[in-house]
Amino acid sequence: MSTRLRLLTDCRTAFGADLPLPTAVLLDRLKADPEAPWPDYGPNGLTAMKLGTILRVYEIRSGNIRFLDGTQAKGYQRADFTDAWARYSRTPRTLAEKHIIQGLGARKLRDMSAEDVDKWLAE
């Protein structure tokens, strides 16, 4: 997996359910993953500038964000990542949405309810 794609995938994990994240928080979460290369990415680890440079390839840019507590900081909106995640991240969900599973005919997994999937697996 390329460094850019790895960063995009790791950002999805770092965001969790949060909608906007300050750049500093996103960087802290990325660097906290012991299996990720971000703490050692360059002499100072992944920086805000390097993060912005890599994400710009996906047309994702930081901006001024006003948070619910009234504070304002540079950061990223989760919504700015959704197109890139859908296009480039190969998570099980996106794979299921794009591919027809053997035995389902023209039905895609995303069109099935959990009950339908259970019935299909039981057959």
N, C-alpha and C. Protein backbone atom coordinates (compact mmCIF):
# COMPACT_ATOMS: atom_id res chain seq x y z
N MET A 1 0.85 -1.17 0.00
CA MET A 1 0.00 0.00 0.00
C MET A 1 0.91 1.24 0.00
N SER A 2 0.57 2.20 -0.83
CA SER A 2 1.38 3.42 -0.91
C SER A 2 1.23 4.25 0.37
N THR A 3 2.19 5.13 0.60
CA THR A 3 2.15 6.00 1.77
C THR A 3 0.91 6.87 1.75
N ARG A 4 0.57 7.41 0.58
CA ARG A 4 -0.61 8.28 0.48
C ARG A 4 -1.88 7.52 0.83
N LEU A 5 -2.01 6.32 0.28
CA LEU A 5 -3.21 5.52 0.54
C LEU A 5 -3.26 5.09 2.01
N ARG A 6 -2.10 4.76 2.56
CA ARG A 6 -2.04 4.40 3.98
C ARG A 6 -2.52 5.57 4.85
N LEU A 7 -2.08 6.78 4.51
CA LEU A 7 -2.50 7.96 5.27
C LEU A 7 -4.01 8.16 5.17
N LEU A 8 -4.54 8.02 3.98
CA LEU A 8 -5.97 8.19 3.77
C LEU A 8 -6.76 7.18 4.62
N THR A 9 -6.32 5.94 4.62
CA THR A 9 -6.97 4.89 5.39
C THR A 9 -6.84 5.15 6.89
N ASP A 10 -5.65 5.56 7.32
CA ASP A 10 -5.44 5.83 8.74
C ASP A 10 -6.24 7.05 9.21
N CYS A 11 -6.47 8.01 8.33
CA CYS A 11 -7.30 9.17 8.69
C CYS A 11 -8.73 8.73 8.99
N ARG A 12 -9.21 7.75 8.25
CA ARG A 12 -10.56 7.24 8.51
C ARG A 12 -10.66 6.69 9.93
N THR A 13 -9.66 5.92 10.32
CA THR A 13 -9.63 5.36 11.66
C THR A 13 -9.50 6.47 12.70
N ALA A 14 -8.64 7.44 12.43
CA ALA A 14 -8.40 8.53 13.37
C ALA A 14 -9.64 9.39 13.59
N PHE A 15 -10.42 9.59 12.54
CA PHE A 15 -11.63 10.41 12.68
C PHE A 15 -12.65 9.72 13.56
N GLY A 16 -12.78 8.41 13.45
CA GLY A 16 -13.83 7.73 14.20
C GLY A 16 -15.17 8.34 13.85
N ALA A 17 -15.94 8.74 14.85
CA ALA A 17 -17.26 9.34 14.62
C ALA A 17 -17.21 10.87 14.62
N ASP A 18 -16.03 11.43 14.86
CA ASP A 18 -15.91 12.89 14.91
C ASP A 18 -16.14 13.48 13.53
N LEU A 19 -16.80 14.64 13.49
CA LEU A 19 -17.04 15.31 12.21
C LEU A 19 -15.88 16.23 11.85
N PRO A 20 -15.61 17.27 12.63
CA PRO A 20 -14.38 18.02 12.37
C PRO A 20 -13.32 17.63 13.39
N LEU A 21 -12.06 17.72 12.99
CA LEU A 21 -10.95 17.49 13.92
C LEU A 21 -9.91 18.57 13.72
N PRO A 22 -9.40 19.14 14.81
CA PRO A 22 -8.26 20.04 14.66
C PRO A 22 -7.07 19.26 14.08
N THR A 23 -6.26 19.92 13.31
CA THR A 23 -5.09 19.26 12.71
C THR A 23 -4.22 18.62 13.78
N ALA A 24 -4.02 19.31 14.90
CA ALA A 24 -3.17 18.77 15.97
C ALA A 24 -3.73 17.46 16.52
N VAL A 25 -5.03 17.37 16.68
CA VAL A 25 -5.66 16.15 17.20
C VAL A 25 -5.53 15.03 16.18
N LEU A 26 -5.77 15.33 14.91
CA LEU A 26 -5.63 14.32 13.86
C LEU A 26 -4.20 13.79 13.83
N LEU A 27 -3.21 14.67 13.91
CA LEU A 27 -1.82 14.24 13.92
C LEU A 27 -1.52 13.38 15.14
N ASP A 28 -2.01 13.77 16.31
CA ASP A 28 -1.79 12.98 17.53
C ASP A 28 -2.37 11.59 17.39
N ARG A 29 -3.56 11.49 16.83
CA ARG A 29 -4.20 10.19 16.67
C ARG A 29 -3.45 9.33 15.65
N LEU A 30 -3.00 9.95 14.57
CA LEU A 30 -2.24 9.20 13.56
C LEU A 30 -0.93 8.68 14.14
N LYS A 31 -0.25 9.50 14.90
CA LYS A 31 1.04 9.11 15.48
C LYS A 31 0.90 8.13 16.64
N ALA A 32 -0.29 8.03 17.22
CA ALA A 32 -0.52 7.14 18.36
C ALA A 32 -0.60 5.67 17.95
N ASP A 33 -0.83 5.40 16.68
CA ASP A 33 -0.93 4.02 16.20
C ASP A 33 0.48 3.42 16.15
N PRO A 34 0.75 2.41 16.99
CA PRO A 34 2.11 1.86 17.05
C PRO A 34 2.54 1.15 15.76
N GLU A 35 1.60 0.74 14.93
CA GLU A 35 1.93 0.05 13.69
C GLU A 35 2.05 0.99 12.50
N ALA A 36 1.71 2.25 12.69
CA ALA A 36 1.73 3.22 11.59
C ALA A 36 3.11 3.87 11.47
N PRO A 37 3.46 4.32 10.27
CA PRO A 37 4.78 4.94 10.07
C PRO A 37 4.84 6.41 10.48
N TRP A 38 3.74 6.98 10.94
CA TRP A 38 3.66 8.44 11.11
C TRP A 38 4.56 9.03 12.18
N PRO A 39 4.83 8.36 13.30
CA PRO A 39 5.75 8.97 14.27
C PRO A 39 7.17 9.13 13.72
N ASP A 40 7.55 8.27 12.78
CA ASP A 40 8.91 8.28 12.23
C ASP A 40 8.95 8.80 10.80
N TYR A 41 7.89 9.44 10.34
CA TYR A 41 7.82 9.92 8.96
C TYR A 41 8.61 11.22 8.86
N GLY A 42 9.86 11.12 8.46
CA GLY A 42 10.75 12.29 8.42
C GLY A 42 11.40 12.51 9.77
N PRO A 43 12.26 13.51 9.87
CA PRO A 43 13.00 13.73 11.11
C PRO A 43 12.12 14.10 12.31
N ASN A 44 10.96 14.70 12.06
CA ASN A 44 10.06 15.11 13.16
C ASN A 44 8.74 14.37 13.13
N GLY A 45 8.67 13.28 12.43
CA GLY A 45 7.40 12.58 12.28
C GLY A 45 6.51 13.33 11.30
N LEU A 46 5.29 12.87 11.16
CA LEU A 46 4.34 13.53 10.27
C LEU A 46 3.98 14.90 10.85
N THR A 47 4.14 15.93 10.04
CA THR A 47 3.83 17.30 10.48
C THR A 47 2.57 17.78 9.78
N ALA A 48 2.04 18.91 10.24
CA ALA A 48 0.85 19.49 9.62
C ALA A 48 1.11 19.81 8.16
N MET A 49 2.31 20.29 7.85
CA MET A 49 2.63 20.64 6.47
C MET A 49 2.69 19.39 5.58
N LYS A 50 3.33 18.33 6.08
CA LYS A 50 3.41 17.08 5.30
C LYS A 50 2.02 16.45 5.14
N LEU A 51 1.23 16.50 6.20
CA LEU A 51 -0.14 15.98 6.14
C LEU A 51 -0.92 16.71 5.06
N GLY A 52 -0.85 18.02 5.07
CA GLY A 52 -1.55 18.83 4.07
C GLY A 52 -1.09 18.56 2.66
N THR A 53 0.22 18.37 2.48
CA THR A 53 0.77 18.10 1.15
C THR A 53 0.26 16.78 0.61
N ILE A 54 0.24 15.75 1.45
CA ILE A 54 -0.23 14.43 1.00
C ILE A 54 -1.72 14.46 0.72
N LEU A 55 -2.50 15.06 1.60
CA LEU A 55 -3.95 15.07 1.43
C LEU A 55 -4.40 15.94 0.26
N ARG A 56 -3.59 16.92 -0.10
CA ARG A 56 -3.94 17.80 -1.22
C ARG A 56 -4.08 17.00 -2.52
N VAL A 57 -3.36 15.90 -2.64
CA VAL A 57 -3.47 15.02 -3.81
C VAL A 57 -4.91 14.55 -3.98
N TYR A 58 -5.61 14.36 -2.86
CA TYR A 58 -7.00 13.91 -2.87
C TYR A 58 -7.98 15.09 -2.81
N GLU A 59 -7.47 16.30 -2.99
CA GLU A 59 -8.27 17.52 -2.94
C GLU A 59 -8.89 17.74 -1.56
N ILE A 60 -8.14 17.35 -0.54
CA ILE A 60 -8.55 17.55 0.85
C ILE A 60 -7.65 18.63 1.43
N ARG A 61 -8.25 19.67 1.97
CA ARG A 61 -7.49 20.79 2.52
C ARG A 61 -8.00 21.15 3.91
N SER A 62 -7.08 21.61 4.74
CA SER A 62 -7.49 22.07 6.06
C SER A 62 -8.13 23.45 5.94
N GLY A 63 -8.86 23.80 6.95
CA GLY A 63 -9.50 25.11 6.97
C GLY A 63 -9.74 25.55 8.39
N ASN A 64 -10.20 26.76 8.55
CA ASN A 64 -10.56 27.26 9.88
C ASN A 64 -11.89 26.64 10.29
N ILE A 65 -11.90 26.04 11.45
CA ILE A 65 -13.10 25.37 11.94
C ILE A 65 -13.47 25.95 13.30
N ARG A 66 -14.73 26.29 13.45
CA ARG A 66 -15.24 26.74 14.75
C ARG A 66 -15.93 25.54 15.40
N PHE A 67 -15.47 25.20 16.59
CA PHE A 67 -15.99 24.04 17.29
C PHE A 67 -17.13 24.43 18.23
N LEU A 68 -17.86 23.45 18.71
CA LEU A 68 -19.05 23.69 19.54
C LEU A 68 -18.73 24.48 20.81
N ASP A 69 -17.51 24.32 21.32
CA ASP A 69 -17.15 25.04 22.54
C ASP A 69 -16.75 26.49 22.26
N GLY A 70 -16.84 26.91 21.00
CA GLY A 70 -16.54 28.29 20.63
C GLY A 70 -15.10 28.53 20.19
N THR A 71 -14.25 27.52 20.35
CA THR A 71 -12.86 27.67 19.92
C THR A 71 -12.76 27.52 18.41
N GLN A 72 -11.68 28.03 17.88
CA GLN A 72 -11.45 27.94 16.44
C GLN A 72 -10.02 27.45 16.22
N ALA A 73 -9.84 26.57 15.25
CA ALA A 73 -8.51 26.04 14.94
C ALA A 73 -8.49 25.56 13.50
N LYS A 74 -7.29 25.43 12.97
CA LYS A 74 -7.14 24.80 11.66
C LYS A 74 -7.44 23.32 11.83
N GLY A 75 -8.14 22.76 10.87
CA GLY A 75 -8.47 21.35 10.98
C GLY A 75 -9.11 20.83 9.72
N TYR A 76 -9.63 19.64 9.83
CA TYR A 76 -10.22 18.93 8.70
C TYR A 76 -11.64 18.53 9.02
N GLN A 77 -12.50 18.60 8.02
CA GLN A 77 -13.89 18.15 8.12
C GLN A 77 -13.97 16.71 7.61
N ARG A 78 -14.65 15.86 8.33
CA ARG A 78 -14.83 14.47 7.90
C ARG A 78 -15.45 14.41 6.50
N ALA A 79 -16.38 15.29 6.21
CA ALA A 79 -17.07 15.29 4.91
C ALA A 79 -16.10 15.50 3.75
N ASP A 80 -14.99 16.18 4.00
CA ASP A 80 -14.01 16.41 2.93
C ASP A 80 -13.27 15.13 2.53
N PHE A 81 -13.32 14.12 3.38
CA PHE A 81 -12.63 12.85 3.12
C PHE A 81 -13.53 11.82 2.44
N THR A 82 -14.84 11.98 2.52
CA THR A 82 -15.74 10.90 2.11
C THR A 82 -15.58 10.49 0.65
N ASP A 83 -15.39 11.43 -0.24
CA ASP A 83 -15.21 11.08 -1.65
C ASP A 83 -13.93 10.28 -1.85
N ALA A 84 -12.85 10.73 -1.25
CA ALA A 84 -11.57 10.02 -1.38
C ALA A 84 -11.65 8.64 -0.74
N TRP A 85 -12.30 8.53 0.41
CA TRP A 85 -12.45 7.22 1.04
C TRP A 85 -13.24 6.28 0.14
N ALA A 86 -14.30 6.78 -0.46
CA ALA A 86 -15.12 5.94 -1.33
C ALA A 86 -14.34 5.51 -2.57
N ARG A 87 -13.51 6.38 -3.10
CA ARG A 87 -12.77 6.08 -4.33
C ARG A 87 -11.55 5.21 -4.10
N TYR A 88 -10.81 5.46 -3.02
CA TYR A 88 -9.49 4.86 -2.89
C TYR A 88 -9.33 3.86 -1.76
N SER A 89 -10.14 3.93 -0.72
CA SER A 89 -9.98 3.01 0.40
C SER A 89 -10.62 1.67 0.06
N ARG A 90 -9.90 0.64 0.30
CA ARG A 90 -10.40 -0.70 0.02
C ARG A 90 -10.77 -1.41 1.31
N THR A 91 -11.77 -0.89 1.98
CA THR A 91 -12.26 -1.53 3.18
C THR A 91 -13.23 -2.63 2.77
N PRO A 92 -13.53 -3.58 3.65
CA PRO A 92 -14.49 -4.62 3.28
C PRO A 92 -15.83 -4.04 2.82
N ARG A 93 -16.27 -2.96 3.44
CA ARG A 93 -17.56 -2.39 3.05
C ARG A 93 -17.52 -1.86 1.62
N THR A 94 -16.47 -1.11 1.28
CA THR A 94 -16.43 -0.56 -0.07
C THR A 94 -16.27 -1.66 -1.10
N LEU A 95 -15.56 -2.72 -0.76
CA LEU A 95 -15.44 -3.83 -1.69
C LEU A 95 -16.79 -4.50 -1.90
N ALA A 96 -17.54 -4.68 -0.82
CA ALA A 96 -18.86 -5.30 -0.93
C ALA A 96 -19.80 -4.44 -1.74
N GLU A 97 -19.67 -3.12 -1.61
CA GLU A 97 -20.56 -2.23 -2.35
C GLU A 97 -20.27 -2.25 -3.85
N LYS A 98 -19.05 -2.56 -4.23
CA LYS A 98 -18.66 -2.47 -5.63
C LYS A 98 -18.70 -3.80 -6.37
N HIS A 99 -18.73 -4.89 -5.66
CA HIS A 99 -18.63 -6.19 -6.32
C HIS A 99 -19.85 -7.05 -6.05
N ILE A 100 -20.25 -7.78 -7.04
CA ILE A 100 -21.34 -8.73 -6.89
C ILE A 100 -20.76 -10.01 -6.31
N ILE A 101 -21.40 -10.54 -5.30
CA ILE A 101 -20.91 -11.75 -4.66
C ILE A 101 -21.51 -12.97 -5.35
N GLN A 102 -20.69 -13.99 -5.57
CA GLN A 102 -21.14 -15.22 -6.22
C GLN A 102 -22.42 -15.72 -5.56
N GLY A 103 -23.35 -16.11 -6.34
CA GLY A 103 -24.59 -16.67 -5.82
C GLY A 103 -25.68 -15.64 -5.57
N LEU A 104 -25.34 -14.38 -5.63
CA LEU A 104 -26.35 -13.36 -5.40
C LEU A 104 -26.98 -12.89 -6.70
N GLY A 105 -26.46 -13.33 -7.82
CA GLY A 105 -26.97 -12.84 -9.08
C GLY A 105 -26.68 -11.36 -9.21
N ALA A 106 -27.67 -10.59 -9.58
CA ALA A 106 -27.47 -9.16 -9.79
C ALA A 106 -27.57 -8.36 -8.50
N ARG A 107 -27.94 -9.00 -7.41
CA ARG A 107 -28.08 -8.26 -6.15
C ARG A 107 -26.70 -8.01 -5.54
N LYS A 108 -26.49 -6.83 -5.08
CA LYS A 108 -25.25 -6.50 -4.41
C LYS A 108 -25.47 -6.58 -2.91
N LEU A 109 -24.42 -6.85 -2.19
CA LEU A 109 -24.51 -6.98 -0.75
C LEU A 109 -25.08 -5.73 -0.11
N ARG A 110 -24.75 -4.56 -0.64
CA ARG A 110 -25.25 -3.33 -0.03
C ARG A 110 -26.75 -3.19 -0.13
N ASP A 111 -27.37 -3.89 -1.09
CA ASP A 111 -28.82 -3.82 -1.27
C ASP A 111 -29.57 -4.80 -0.39
N MET A 112 -28.84 -5.62 0.34
CA MET A 112 -29.47 -6.64 1.16
C MET A 112 -29.56 -6.18 2.61
N SER A 113 -30.62 -6.58 3.27
CA SER A 113 -30.74 -6.31 4.70
C SER A 113 -29.92 -7.36 5.45
N ALA A 114 -29.69 -7.14 6.72
CA ALA A 114 -28.95 -8.10 7.53
C ALA A 114 -29.67 -9.45 7.54
N GLU A 115 -30.99 -9.40 7.57
CA GLU A 115 -31.79 -10.63 7.55
C GLU A 115 -31.59 -11.39 6.24
N ASP A 116 -31.55 -10.65 5.11
CA ASP A 116 -31.31 -11.29 3.81
C ASP A 116 -29.94 -11.96 3.78
N VAL A 117 -28.94 -11.29 4.33
CA VAL A 117 -27.58 -11.86 4.34
C VAL A 117 -27.56 -13.13 5.18
N ASP A 118 -28.22 -13.11 6.35
CA ASP A 118 -28.28 -14.30 7.19
C ASP A 118 -28.93 -15.46 6.46
N LYS A 119 -30.03 -15.19 5.76
CA LYS A 119 -30.71 -16.24 4.99
C LYS A 119 -29.80 -16.77 3.90
N TRP A 120 -29.11 -15.85 3.19
CA TRP A 120 -28.23 -16.25 2.10
C TRP A 120 -27.08 -17.11 2.62
N LEU A 121 -26.51 -16.74 3.78
CA LEU A 121 -25.41 -17.51 4.34
C LEU A 121 -25.87 -18.88 4.82
N ALA A 122 -27.12 -18.98 5.27
CA ALA A 122 -27.65 -20.25 5.77
C ALA A 122 -27.93 -21.24 4.65
N GLU A 123 -28.11 -20.74 3.43
CA GLU A 123 -28.45 -21.63 2.31
C GLU A 123 -27.29 -22.49 1.89
